[in-house]
PDB file of N, CA and C in Angstrom:
ATOM      1  N   MET A   1       7.487 -10.280  15.339  1.00  0.00           N
ATOM      2  CA  MET A   1       6.523 -10.152  14.261  1.00  0.00           C
ATOM      3  C   MET A   1       7.270 -10.375  12.942  1.00  0.00           C
ATOM      4  N   ASN A   2       6.787 -11.319  12.130  1.00  0.00           N
ATOM      5  CA  ASN A   2       7.457 -11.556  10.855  1.00  0.00           C
ATOM      6  C   ASN A   2       7.032 -10.496   9.826  1.00  0.00           C
ATOM      7  N   PRO A   3       7.726 -10.399   8.680  1.00  0.00           N
ATOM      8  CA  PRO A   3       7.416  -9.347   7.702  1.00  0.00           C
ATOM      9  C   PRO A   3       5.969  -9.353   7.200  1.00  0.00           C
ATOM     10  N   ARG A   4       5.378 -10.536   7.018  1.00  0.00           N
ATOM     11  CA  ARG A   4       3.997 -10.591   6.545  1.00  0.00           C
ATOM     12  C   ARG A   4       3.050 -10.025   7.605  1.00  0.00           C
ATOM     13  N   GLN A   5       3.262 -10.395   8.859  1.00  0.00           N
ATOM     14  CA  GLN A   5       2.411  -9.885   9.941  1.00  0.00           C
ATOM     15  C   GLN A   5       2.566  -8.373  10.067  1.00  0.00           C
ATOM     16  N   LYS A   6       3.795  -7.900   9.936  1.00  0.00           N
ATOM     17  CA  LYS A   6       4.061  -6.458  10.027  1.00  0.00           C
ATOM     18  C   LYS A   6       3.350  -5.722   8.895  1.00  0.00           C
ATOM     19  N   GLY A   7       3.425  -6.269   7.680  1.00  0.00           N
ATOM     20  CA  GLY A   7       2.749  -5.655   6.533  1.00  0.00           C
ATOM     21  C   GLY A   7       1.244  -5.619   6.723  1.00  0.00           C
ATOM     22  N   ASN A   8       0.669  -6.730   7.194  1.00  0.00           N
ATOM     23  CA  ASN A   8      -0.776  -6.785   7.442  1.00  0.00           C
ATOM     24  C   ASN A   8      -1.189  -5.774   8.509  1.00  0.00           C
ATOM     25  N   TYR A   9      -0.382  -5.674   9.561  1.00  0.00           N
ATOM     26  CA  TYR A   9      -0.685  -4.748  10.648  1.00  0.00           C
ATOM     27  C   TYR A   9      -0.755  -3.307  10.132  1.00  0.00           C
ATOM     28  N   TYR A  10       0.266  -2.882   9.390  1.00  0.00           N
ATOM     29  CA  TYR A  10       0.298  -1.501   8.906  1.00  0.00           C
ATOM     30  C   TYR A  10      -0.721  -1.250   7.798  1.00  0.00           C
ATOM     31  N   ARG A  11      -1.023  -2.239   6.993  1.00  0.00           N
ATOM     32  CA  ARG A  11      -2.061  -2.109   5.965  1.00  0.00           C
ATOM     33  C   ARG A  11      -3.419  -1.885   6.652  1.00  0.00           C
ATOM     34  N   ASN A  12      -3.708  -2.679   7.667  1.00  0.00           N
ATOM     35  CA  ASN A  12      -4.965  -2.512   8.411  1.00  0.00           C
ATOM     36  C   ASN A  12      -5.014  -1.183   9.154  1.00  0.00           C
ATOM     37  N   LYS A  13      -3.875  -0.755   9.665  1.00  0.00           N
ATOM     38  CA  LYS A  13      -3.801   0.523  10.367  1.00  0.00           C
ATOM     39  C   LYS A  13      -4.068   1.685   9.398  1.00  0.00           C
ATOM     40  N   THR A  14      -3.510   1.592   8.195  1.00  0.00           N
ATOM     41  CA  THR A  14      -3.745   2.615   7.178  1.00  0.00           C
ATOM     42  C   THR A  14      -5.205   2.617   6.752  1.00  0.00           C
ATOM     43  N   LYS A  15      -5.770   1.433   6.565  1.00  0.00           N
ATOM     44  CA  LYS A  15      -7.181   1.322   6.178  1.00  0.00           C
ATOM     45  C   LYS A  15      -8.073   1.976   7.226  1.00  0.00           C
ATOM     46  N   ALA A  16      -7.852   1.680   8.486  1.00  0.00           N
ATOM     47  CA  ALA A  16      -8.650   2.267   9.567  1.00  0.00           C
ATOM     48  C   ALA A  16      -8.467   3.783   9.625  1.00  0.00           C
ATOM     49  N   PHE A  17      -7.241   4.255   9.427  1.00  0.00           N
ATOM     50  CA  PHE A  17      -6.936   5.687   9.442  1.00  0.00           C
ATOM     51  C   PHE A  17      -7.722   6.409   8.347  1.00  0.00           C
ATOM     52  N   LEU A  18      -7.722   5.855   7.132  1.00  0.00           N
ATOM     53  CA  LEU A  18      -8.426   6.489   6.010  1.00  0.00           C
ATOM     54  C   LEU A  18      -9.945   6.389   6.164  1.00  0.00           C
ATOM     55  N   GLU A  19     -10.436   5.243   6.632  1.00  0.00           N
ATOM     56  CA  GLU A  19     -11.877   5.084   6.821  1.00  0.00           C
ATOM     57  C   GLU A  19     -12.406   6.057   7.869  1.00  0.00           C
ATOM     58  N   ALA A  20     -11.616   6.360   8.879  1.00  0.00           N
ATOM     59  CA  ALA A  20     -12.015   7.334   9.895  1.00  0.00           C
ATOM     60  C   ALA A  20     -12.149   8.734   9.300  1.00  0.00           C
ATOM     61  N   ASP A  21     -11.453   8.960   8.169  1.00  0.00           N
ATOM     62  CA  ASP A  21     -11.509  10.254   7.479  1.00  0.00           C
ATOM     63  C   ASP A  21     -12.567  10.254   6.369  1.00  0.00           C
ATOM     64  N   GLY A  22     -13.341   9.173   6.241  1.00  0.00           N
ATOM     65  CA  GLY A  22     -14.426   9.146   5.270  1.00  0.00           C
ATOM     66  C   GLY A  22     -14.121   8.458   3.949  1.00  0.00           C
ATOM     67  N   TRP A  23     -12.946   7.877   3.798  1.00  0.00           N
ATOM     68  CA  TRP A  23     -12.591   7.160   2.579  1.00  0.00           C
ATOM     69  C   TRP A  23     -13.211   5.763   2.598  1.00  0.00           C
ATOM     70  N   VAL A  24     -13.529   5.227   1.422  1.00  0.00           N
ATOM     71  CA  VAL A  24     -13.920   3.829   1.261  1.00  0.00           C
ATOM     72  C   VAL A  24     -12.663   3.127   0.754  1.00  0.00           C
ATOM     73  N   VAL A  25     -12.169   2.135   1.504  1.00  0.00           N
ATOM     74  CA  VAL A  25     -10.847   1.550   1.244  1.00  0.00           C
ATOM     75  C   VAL A  25     -10.964   0.044   1.024  1.00  0.00           C
ATOM     76  N   GLU A  26     -10.212  -0.463   0.048  1.00  0.00           N
ATOM     77  CA  GLU A  26     -10.144  -1.898  -0.226  1.00  0.00           C
ATOM     78  C   GLU A  26      -8.702  -2.320  -0.483  1.00  0.00           C
ATOM     79  N   ASN A  27      -8.417  -3.562  -0.161  1.00  0.00           N
ATOM     80  CA  ASN A  27      -7.112  -4.154  -0.398  1.00  0.00           C
ATOM     81  C   ASN A  27      -7.002  -4.531  -1.875  1.00  0.00           C
ATOM     82  N   ILE A  28      -5.877  -4.221  -2.526  1.00  0.00           N
ATOM     83  CA  ILE A  28      -5.715  -4.600  -3.929  1.00  0.00           C
ATOM     84  C   ILE A  28      -4.503  -5.509  -4.149  1.00  0.00           C
ATOM     85  N   GLU A  29      -4.078  -6.178  -3.098  1.00  0.00           N
ATOM     86  CA  GLU A  29      -3.048  -7.191  -3.277  1.00  0.00           C
ATOM     87  C   GLU A  29      -3.709  -8.459  -3.808  1.00  0.00           C
ATOM     88  N   VAL A  30      -3.045  -9.117  -4.734  1.00  0.00           N
ATOM     89  CA  VAL A  30      -3.590 -10.315  -5.354  1.00  0.00           C
ATOM     90  C   VAL A  30      -2.905 -11.542  -4.756  1.00  0.00           C
ATOM     91  N   PRO A  31      -3.704 -12.479  -4.208  1.00  0.00           N
ATOM     92  CA  PRO A  31      -3.076 -13.709  -3.688  1.00  0.00           C
ATOM     93  C   PRO A  31      -2.616 -14.594  -4.851  1.00  0.00           C
ATOM     94  N   LYS A  32      -1.464 -15.210  -4.695  1.00  0.00           N
ATOM     95  CA  LYS A  32      -0.902 -16.083  -5.733  1.00  0.00           C
ATOM     96  C   LYS A  32      -0.480 -17.396  -5.111  1.00  0.00           C
ATOM     97  N   ARG A  33      -0.558 -18.463  -5.916  1.00  0.00           N
ATOM     98  CA  ARG A  33      -0.037 -19.762  -5.511  1.00  0.00           C
ATOM     99  C   ARG A  33       1.194 -20.054  -6.357  1.00  0.00           C
ATOM    100  N   ILE A  34       2.239 -20.534  -5.710  1.00  0.00           N
ATOM    101  CA  ILE A  34       3.473 -20.883  -6.399  1.00  0.00           C
ATOM    102  C   ILE A  34       3.769 -22.349  -6.123  1.00  0.00           C
ATOM    103  N   PHE A  35       4.092 -23.089  -7.172  1.00  0.00           N
ATOM    104  CA  PHE A  35       4.449 -24.495  -7.025  1.00  0.00           C
ATOM    105  C   PHE A  35       5.959 -24.635  -7.203  1.00  0.00           C
ATOM    106  N   VAL A  36       6.616 -25.204  -6.200  1.00  0.00           N
ATOM    107  CA  VAL A  36       8.060 -25.428  -6.237  1.00  0.00           C
ATOM    108  C   VAL A  36       8.324 -26.864  -5.797  1.00  0.00           C
ATOM    109  N   LYS A  37       8.887 -27.639  -6.703  1.00  0.00           N
ATOM    110  CA  LYS A  37       9.236 -29.037  -6.414  1.00  0.00           C
ATOM    111  C   LYS A  37       8.082 -29.797  -5.768  1.00  0.00           C
ATOM    112  N   GLY A  38       6.894 -29.648  -6.337  1.00  0.00           N
ATOM    113  CA  GLY A  38       5.743 -30.386  -5.857  1.00  0.00           C
ATOM    114  C   GLY A  38       5.056 -29.804  -4.638  1.00  0.00           C
ATOM    115  N   GLN A  39       5.563 -28.703  -4.116  1.00  0.00           N
ATOM    116  CA  GLN A  39       4.928 -28.071  -2.957  1.00  0.00           C
ATOM    117  C   GLN A  39       4.278 -26.762  -3.386  1.00  0.00           C
ATOM    118  N   MET A  40       3.164 -26.436  -2.728  1.00  0.00           N
ATOM    119  CA  MET A  40       2.451 -25.218  -3.038  1.00  0.00           C
ATOM    120  C   MET A  40       2.684 -24.196  -1.924  1.00  0.00           C
ATOM    121  N   PHE A  41       3.031 -22.985  -2.332  1.00  0.00           N
ATOM    122  CA  PHE A  41       3.245 -21.875  -1.407  1.00  0.00           C
ATOM    123  C   PHE A  41       2.305 -20.744  -1.788  1.00  0.00           C
ATOM    124  N   TYR A  42       1.855 -19.993  -0.790  1.00  0.00           N
ATOM    125  CA  TYR A  42       0.991 -18.843  -1.034  1.00  0.00           C
ATOM    126  C   TYR A  42       1.785 -17.565  -0.821  1.00  0.00           C
ATOM    127  N   THR A  43       1.547 -16.605  -1.684  1.00  0.00           N
ATOM    128  CA  THR A  43       2.195 -15.305  -1.575  1.00  0.00           C
ATOM    129  C   THR A  43       1.211 -14.240  -2.049  1.00  0.00           C
ATOM    130  N   ARG A  44       1.588 -12.999  -1.951  1.00  0.00           N
ATOM    131  CA  ARG A  44       0.756 -11.894  -2.429  1.00  0.00           C
ATOM    132  C   ARG A  44       1.576 -11.011  -3.348  1.00  0.00           C
ATOM    133  N   LYS A  45       0.897 -10.418  -4.315  1.00  0.00           N
ATOM    134  CA  LYS A  45       1.549  -9.507  -5.248  1.00  0.00           C
ATOM    135  C   LYS A  45       0.725  -8.231  -5.307  1.00  0.00           C
ATOM    136  N   ASP A  46       1.405  -7.101  -5.223  1.00  0.00           N
ATOM    137  CA  ASP A  46       0.719  -5.814  -5.331  1.00  0.00           C
ATOM    138  C   ASP A  46       0.158  -5.649  -6.734  1.00  0.00           C
ATOM    139  N   LEU A  47      -1.040  -5.118  -6.825  1.00  0.00           N
ATOM    140  CA  LEU A  47      -1.641  -4.817  -8.112  1.00  0.00           C
ATOM    141  C   LEU A  47      -1.171  -3.433  -8.538  1.00  0.00           C
ATOM    142  N   TRP A  48      -0.342  -3.375  -9.540  1.00  0.00           N
ATOM    143  CA  TRP A  48       0.199  -2.120 -10.072  1.00  0.00           C
ATOM    144  C   TRP A  48       0.790  -1.248  -8.971  1.00  0.00           C
ATOM    145  N   ALA A  49       1.590  -1.872  -8.117  1.00  0.00           N
ATOM    146  CA  ALA A  49       2.384  -1.212  -7.074  1.00  0.00           C
ATOM    147  C   ALA A  49       1.554  -0.687  -5.900  1.00  0.00           C
ATOM    148  N   GLY A  50       0.292  -1.071  -5.796  1.00  0.00           N
ATOM    149  CA  GLY A  50      -0.530  -0.571  -4.703  1.00  0.00           C
ATOM    150  C   GLY A  50      -0.905  -1.647  -3.711  1.00  0.00           C
ATOM    151  N   ASP A  51      -0.985  -1.261  -2.445  1.00  0.00           N
ATOM    152  CA  ASP A  51      -1.476  -2.150  -1.392  1.00  0.00           C
ATOM    153  C   ASP A  51      -2.970  -1.950  -1.175  1.00  0.00           C
ATOM    154  N   LEU A  52      -3.394  -0.683  -1.238  1.00  0.00           N
ATOM    155  CA  LEU A  52      -4.789  -0.324  -0.991  1.00  0.00           C
ATOM    156  C   LEU A  52      -5.259   0.653  -2.058  1.00  0.00           C
ATOM    157  N   ILE A  53      -6.557   0.660  -2.281  1.00  0.00           N
ATOM    158  CA  ILE A  53      -7.168   1.667  -3.155  1.00  0.00           C
ATOM    159  C   ILE A  53      -8.295   2.301  -2.353  1.00  0.00           C
ATOM    160  N   ALA A  54      -8.441   3.617  -2.487  1.00  0.00           N
ATOM    161  CA  ALA A  54      -9.448   4.336  -1.702  1.00  0.00           C
ATOM    162  C   ALA A  54     -10.193   5.327  -2.589  1.00  0.00           C
ATOM    163  N   VAL A  55     -11.455   5.549  -2.240  1.00  0.00           N
ATOM    164  CA  VAL A  55     -12.306   6.482  -2.974  1.00  0.00           C
ATOM    165  C   VAL A  55     -13.007   7.391  -1.971  1.00  0.00           C
ATOM    166  N   LYS A  56     -13.011   8.677  -2.308  1.00  0.00           N
ATOM    167  CA  LYS A  56     -13.747   9.654  -1.498  1.00  0.00           C
ATOM    168  C   LYS A  56     -14.169  10.780  -2.434  1.00  0.00           C
ATOM    169  N   ASP A  57     -15.447  11.079  -2.457  1.00  0.00           N
ATOM    170  CA  ASP A  57     -16.006  12.075  -3.365  1.00  0.00           C
ATOM    171  C   ASP A  57     -15.614  11.715  -4.804  1.00  0.00           C
ATOM    172  N   GLN A  58     -14.870  12.539  -5.478  1.00  0.00           N
ATOM    173  CA  GLN A  58     -14.455  12.279  -6.863  1.00  0.00           C
ATOM    174  C   GLN A  58     -12.966  11.961  -6.945  1.00  0.00           C
ATOM    175  N   THR A  59     -12.373  11.502  -5.841  1.00  0.00           N
ATOM    176  CA  THR A  59     -10.938  11.256  -5.788  1.00  0.00           C
ATOM    177  C   THR A  59     -10.645   9.769  -5.660  1.00  0.00           C
ATOM    178  N   LEU A  60      -9.740   9.291  -6.495  1.00  0.00           N
ATOM    179  CA  LEU A  60      -9.269   7.911  -6.435  1.00  0.00           C
ATOM    180  C   LEU A  60      -7.824   7.946  -5.945  1.00  0.00           C
ATOM    181  N   LEU A  61      -7.528   7.115  -4.964  1.00  0.00           N
ATOM    182  CA  LEU A  61      -6.234   7.130  -4.300  1.00  0.00           C
ATOM    183  C   LEU A  61      -5.648   5.722  -4.270  1.00  0.00           C
ATOM    184  N   VAL A  62      -4.394   5.591  -4.668  1.00  0.00           N
ATOM    185  CA  VAL A  62      -3.676   4.323  -4.590  1.00  0.00           C
ATOM    186  C   VAL A  62      -2.611   4.481  -3.515  1.00  0.00           C
ATOM    187  N   ILE A  63      -2.546   3.526  -2.589  1.00  0.00           N
ATOM    188  CA  ILE A  63      -1.652   3.633  -1.438  1.00  0.00           C
ATOM    189  C   ILE A  63      -0.650   2.491  -1.423  1.00  0.00           C
ATOM    190  N   GLN A  64       0.605   2.833  -1.192  1.00  0.00           N
ATOM    191  CA  GLN A  64       1.673   1.861  -0.965  1.00  0.00           C
ATOM    192  C   GLN A  64       2.123   2.077   0.480  1.00  0.00           C
ATOM    193  N   ASN A  65       1.992   1.061   1.321  1.00  0.00           N
ATOM    194  CA  ASN A  65       2.391   1.148   2.728  1.00  0.00           C
ATOM    195  C   ASN A  65       3.860   0.802   2.876  1.00  0.00           C
ATOM    196  N   LYS A  66       4.538   1.533   3.726  1.00  0.00           N
ATOM    197  CA  LYS A  66       5.928   1.227   4.052  1.00  0.00           C
ATOM    198  C   LYS A  66       6.125   1.406   5.550  1.00  0.00           C
ATOM    199  N   SER A  67       6.730   0.411   6.165  1.00  0.00           N
ATOM    200  CA  SER A  67       7.044   0.525   7.586  1.00  0.00           C
ATOM    201  C   SER A  67       8.546   0.610   7.791  1.00  0.00           C
ATOM    202  N   ASN A  68       9.292   0.314   6.751  1.00  0.00           N
ATOM    203  CA  ASN A  68      10.747   0.365   6.808  1.00  0.00           C
ATOM    204  C   ASN A  68      11.229   1.594   6.031  1.00  0.00           C
ATOM    205  N   PRO A  69      11.868   2.561   6.690  1.00  0.00           N
ATOM    206  CA  PRO A  69      12.302   3.784   6.005  1.00  0.00           C
ATOM    207  C   PRO A  69      13.223   3.538   4.808  1.00  0.00           C
ATOM    208  N   VAL A  70      13.909   2.424   4.788  1.00  0.00           N
ATOM    209  CA  VAL A  70      14.815   2.105   3.674  1.00  0.00           C
ATOM    210  C   VAL A  70      14.029   1.874   2.382  1.00  0.00           C
ATOM    211  N   ASP A  71      12.780   1.424   2.485  1.00  0.00           N
ATOM    212  CA  ASP A  71      11.967   1.073   1.316  1.00  0.00           C
ATOM    213  C   ASP A  71      11.166   2.229   0.733  1.00  0.00           C
ATOM    214  N   ILE A  72      11.254   3.412   1.299  1.00  0.00           N
ATOM    215  CA  ILE A  72      10.412   4.529   0.855  1.00  0.00           C
ATOM    216  C   ILE A  72      10.676   4.868  -0.608  1.00  0.00           C
ATOM    217  N   ASN A  73      11.928   5.016  -1.001  1.00  0.00           N
ATOM    218  CA  ASN A  73      12.242   5.357  -2.391  1.00  0.00           C
ATOM    219  C   ASN A  73      11.795   4.274  -3.353  1.00  0.00           C
ATOM    220  N   LYS A  74      11.861   3.014  -2.918  1.00  0.00           N
ATOM    221  CA  LYS A  74      11.387   1.903  -3.739  1.00  0.00           C
ATOM    222  C   LYS A  74       9.880   2.041  -3.986  1.00  0.00           C
ATOM    223  N   GLY A  75       9.124   2.363  -2.941  1.00  0.00           N
ATOM    224  CA  GLY A  75       7.681   2.551  -3.078  1.00  0.00           C
ATOM    225  C   GLY A  75       7.337   3.707  -3.997  1.00  0.00           C
ATOM    226  N   ILE A  76       8.072   4.805  -3.888  1.00  0.00           N
ATOM    227  CA  ILE A  76       7.846   5.968  -4.754  1.00  0.00           C
ATOM    228  C   ILE A  76       8.115   5.588  -6.206  1.00  0.00           C
ATOM    229  N   LYS A  77       9.220   4.905  -6.443  1.00  0.00           N
ATOM    230  CA  LYS A  77       9.587   4.506  -7.805  1.00  0.00           C
ATOM    231  C   LYS A  77       8.537   3.568  -8.403  1.00  0.00           C
ATOM    232  N   GLU A  78       8.079   2.588  -7.624  1.00  0.00           N
ATOM    233  CA  GLU A  78       7.074   1.639  -8.113  1.00  0.00           C
ATOM    234  C   GLU A  78       5.773   2.351  -8.490  1.00  0.00           C
ATOM    235  N   LEU A  79       5.319   3.288  -7.658  1.00  0.00           N
ATOM    236  CA  LEU A  79       4.086   4.008  -7.964  1.00  0.00           C
ATOM    237  C   LEU A  79       4.236   4.917  -9.176  1.00  0.00           C
ATOM    238  N   LYS A  80       5.410   5.523  -9.349  1.00  0.00           N
ATOM    239  CA  LYS A  80       5.638   6.373 -10.516  1.00  0.00           C
ATOM    240  C   LYS A  80       5.620   5.561 -11.807  1.00  0.00           C
ATOM    241  N   GLU A  81       6.126   4.328 -11.741  1.00  0.00           N
ATOM    242  CA  GLU A  81       6.214   3.490 -12.941  1.00  0.00           C
ATOM    243  C   GLU A  81       4.925   2.718 -13.218  1.00  0.00           C
ATOM    244  N   ALA A  82       4.022   2.649 -12.262  1.00  0.00           N
ATOM    245  CA  ALA A  82       2.772   1.896 -12.430  1.00  0.00           C
ATOM    246  C   ALA A  82       1.875   2.590 -13.457  1.00  0.00           C
ATOM    247  N   PRO A  83       1.023   1.828 -14.141  1.00  0.00           N
ATOM    248  CA  PRO A  83       0.213   2.398 -15.236  1.00  0.00           C
ATOM    249  C   PRO A  83      -1.060   3.118 -14.788  1.00  0.00           C
ATOM    250  N   TRP A  84      -1.007   3.820 -13.661  1.00  0.00           N
ATOM    251  CA  TRP A  84      -2.185   4.574 -13.222  1.00  0.00           C
ATOM    252  C   TRP A  84      -2.249   5.887 -13.989  1.00  0.00           C
ATOM    253  N   PRO A  85      -3.458   6.364 -14.341  1.00  0.00           N
ATOM    254  CA  PRO A  85      -3.582   7.658 -15.024  1.00  0.00           C
ATOM    255  C   PRO A  85      -3.109   8.803 -14.122  1.00  0.00           C
ATOM    256  N   ASP A  86      -2.789   9.922 -14.738  1.00  0.00           N
ATOM    257  CA  ASP A  86      -2.265  11.074 -13.995  1.00  0.00           C
ATOM    258  C   ASP A  86      -3.261  11.653 -12.991  1.00  0.00           C
ATOM    259  N   ASN A  87      -4.568  11.469 -13.228  1.00  0.00           N
ATOM    260  CA  ASN A  87      -5.556  12.045 -12.315  1.00  0.00           C
ATOM    261  C   ASN A  87      -5.768  11.201 -11.050  1.00  0.00           C
ATOM    262  N   VAL A  88      -5.116  10.041 -10.961  1.00  0.00           N
ATOM    263  CA  VAL A  88      -5.195   9.195  -9.765  1.00  0.00           C
ATOM    264  C   VAL A  88      -4.111   9.648  -8.790  1.00  0.00           C
ATOM    265  N   LYS A  89      -4.503   9.923  -7.558  1.00  0.00           N
ATOM    266  CA  LYS A  89      -3.516  10.301  -6.542  1.00  0.00           C
ATOM    267  C   LYS A  89      -2.781   9.058  -6.073  1.00  0.00           C
ATOM    268  N   LYS A  90      -1.477   9.182  -5.867  1.00  0.00           N
ATOM    269  CA  LYS A  90      -0.658   8.057  -5.413  1.00  0.00           C
ATOM    270  C   LYS A  90       0.091   8.490  -4.152  1.00  0.00           C
ATOM    271  N   TRP A  91      -0.098   7.704  -3.092  1.00  0.00           N
ATOM    272  CA  TRP A  91       0.543   8.006  -1.812  1.00  0.00           C
ATOM    273  C   TRP A  91       1.427   6.862  -1.369  1.00  0.00           C
ATOM    274  N   VAL A  92       2.546   7.227  -0.762  1.00  0.00           N
ATOM    275  CA  VAL A  92       3.337   6.275   0.012  1.00  0.00           C
ATOM    276  C   VAL A  92       3.094   6.654   1.467  1.00  0.00           C
ATOM    277  N   VAL A  93       2.583   5.702   2.229  1.00  0.00           N
ATOM    278  CA  VAL A  93       2.233   5.940   3.631  1.00  0.00           C
ATOM    279  C   VAL A  93       3.264   5.247   4.506  1.00  0.00           C
ATOM    280  N   ILE A  94       3.903   6.025   5.376  1.00  0.00           N
ATOM    281  CA  ILE A  94       4.948   5.503   6.249  1.00  0.00           C
ATOM    282  C   ILE A  94       4.486   5.600   7.694  1.00  0.00           C
ATOM    283  N   TRP A  95       4.546   4.463   8.374  1.00  0.00           N
ATOM    284  CA  TRP A  95       4.211   4.433   9.802  1.00  0.00           C
ATOM    285  C   TRP A  95       5.506   4.327  10.598  1.00  0.00           C
ATOM    286  N   LYS A  96       5.769   5.350  11.398  1.00  0.00           N
ATOM    287  CA  LYS A  96       6.921   5.288  12.288  1.00  0.00           C
ATOM    288  C   LYS A  96       6.513   4.576  13.567  1.00  0.00           C
ATOM    289  N   LEU A  97       7.467   3.952  14.210  1.00  0.00           N
ATOM    290  CA  LEU A  97       7.229   3.173  15.416  1.00  0.00           C
ATOM    291  C   LEU A  97       6.489   3.999  16.467  1.00  0.00           C
ATOM    292  N   ARG A  98       5.402   3.431  16.985  1.00  0.00           N
ATOM    293  CA  ARG A  98       4.564   4.030  18.033  1.00  0.00           C
ATOM    294  C   ARG A  98       3.898   5.345  17.613  1.00  0.00           C
ATOM    295  N   SER A  99       3.717   5.543  16.325  1.00  0.00           N
ATOM    296  CA  SER A  99       3.089   6.759  15.821  1.00  0.00           C
ATOM    297  C   SER A  99       1.589   6.550  15.673  1.00  0.00           C
ATOM    298  N   SER A 100       0.809   7.564  16.020  1.00  0.00           N
ATOM    299  CA  SER A 100      -0.640   7.450  15.884  1.00  0.00           C
ATOM    300  C   SER A 100      -1.117   7.923  14.512  1.00  0.00           C
ATOM    301  N   GLU A 101      -0.277   8.668  13.797  1.00  0.00           N
ATOM    302  CA  GLU A 101      -0.606   9.124  12.450  1.00  0.00           C
ATOM    303  C   GLU A 101       0.585   8.862  11.532  1.00  0.00           C
ATOM    304  N   PRO A 102       0.292   8.545  10.270  1.00  0.00           N
ATOM    305  CA  PRO A 102       1.392   8.250   9.350  1.00  0.00           C
ATOM    306  C   PRO A 102       1.973   9.513   8.720  1.00  0.00           C
ATOM    307  N   THR A 103       3.131   9.342   8.125  1.00  0.00           N
ATOM    308  CA  THR A 103       3.704  10.341   7.247  1.00  0.00           C
ATOM    309  C   THR A 103       3.259   9.972   5.845  1.00  0.00           C
ATOM    310  N   ILE A 104       2.735  10.933   5.095  1.00  0.00           N
ATOM    311  CA  ILE A 104       2.218  10.669   3.759  1.00  0.00           C
ATOM    312  C   ILE A 104       3.039  11.426   2.726  1.00  0.00           C
ATOM    313  N   ILE A 105       3.552  10.693   1.752  1.00  0.00           N
ATOM    314  CA  ILE A 105       4.271  11.296   0.636  1.00  0.00           C
ATOM    315  C   ILE A 105       3.381  11.172  -0.579  1.00  0.00           C
ATOM    316  N   GLU A 106       2.986  12.310  -1.159  1.00  0.00           N
ATOM    317  CA  GLU A 106       2.155  12.284  -2.361  1.00  0.00           C
ATOM    318  C   GLU A 106       3.075  12.211  -3.580  1.00  0.00           C
ATOM    319  N   VAL A 107       3.063  11.075  -4.237  1.00  0.00           N
ATOM    320  CA  VAL A 107       3.979  10.790  -5.345  1.00  0.00           C
ATOM    321  C   VAL A 107       3.717  11.710  -6.525  1.00  0.00           C
ATOM    322  N   ASN A 108       2.475  12.124  -6.751  1.00  0.00           N
ATOM    323  CA  ASN A 108       2.154  12.995  -7.878  1.00  0.00           C
ATOM    324  C   ASN A 108       2.871  14.337  -7.801  1.00  0.00           C
ATOM    325  N   GLN A 109       3.264  14.749  -6.604  1.00  0.00           N
ATOM    326  CA  GLN A 109       3.884  16.055  -6.433  1.00  0.00           C
ATOM    327  C   GLN A 109       5.405  15.997  -6.408  1.00  0.00           C
ATOM    328  N   ILE A 110       5.963  14.812  -6.597  1.00  0.00           N
ATOM    329  CA  ILE A 110       7.428  14.682  -6.577  1.00  0.00           C
ATOM    330  C   ILE A 110       7.955  14.785  -7.985  1.00  0.00           C
TER     331      ILE A 110
END
C-alpha cells in the first residue's frame, strides 16, 4: 500500500468511526494541480492542518489523521499553529495496526 492509499484508508476509517458515533464528517483536504516541466501532477493539501472536519450538536471538530507514530508530534504542532479559534476542538487520531478503535489526542488539552 503506497502512502496515499494508506492515508485514504485511515481517513475513511476515521470518518466511518465518527459517523457511527453521530458526527457529520467531511473531508477538508484541497486538491491541487502542480505543473513541472510541462507535466501536470495532482496532490492534496490539508486545509489549516486538518484532514477532516466534523460537527455534532454544538461542537466543531478538526481531525488530523496519523498512521505513523513518528508523525504524531508533527500533527499536534500543525494543529496548534493552525488559525482555528480556541472553541474548536482539535484531535490527532492515530490508528495502530489491526486496531478497531483509534487513539485520540485532544490538542486543546496539551
